[in-house]
Amino acid sequence: DYVLYTKKNVDSALNLAKEAKILFESGVYDSASNLYISASNLNPGDYTHFENAGLSLIRQSKYLEAIPYFNHVIDSLNPENGKAEYLLASAYEYTGNIKKACELLEISTSYNFKLAFDARIKACLKSQEN
């Protein structure tokens, strides 16, 4: 990332992310999401900035706004750990798209993301009922 985005940008992104984490943990999600988005612009190679921006948006009930951040992680930076799929599934579940949530949770469990296992059972059962 230092070569692609410069050391200055990577370091600035890390500092923004540290500040955003403090805000997030204090429940100041709007400011946290803005800082994580700024960090992702400075260092688009770090998938955690995108995940954290999306999660901060979910905490603000901005589910549709969160979706592109998780999609970016999955489509462009996929660390194949299942977290982005899990978080994206929760955004879809909040919007009422249980079928899509179930599909994403299936993928998340295939990466052995622990939180996805129970969530998948619930979402996929709910999906079959609809």
Foldseek 3Di string as FASTA:
>chain_A
DCVPQNPVLQVQLVVLQVVLVVCVVVVVLVSSLVSLVSSCVSPVQDLVSLVSNLVSCVSVVNLVVSLVSLVCCVVPVPPLQLPSLQSNLVSCVSVVNLVSSLVSLVSSVVSVPPVSPVVNVVSVVVVVVD
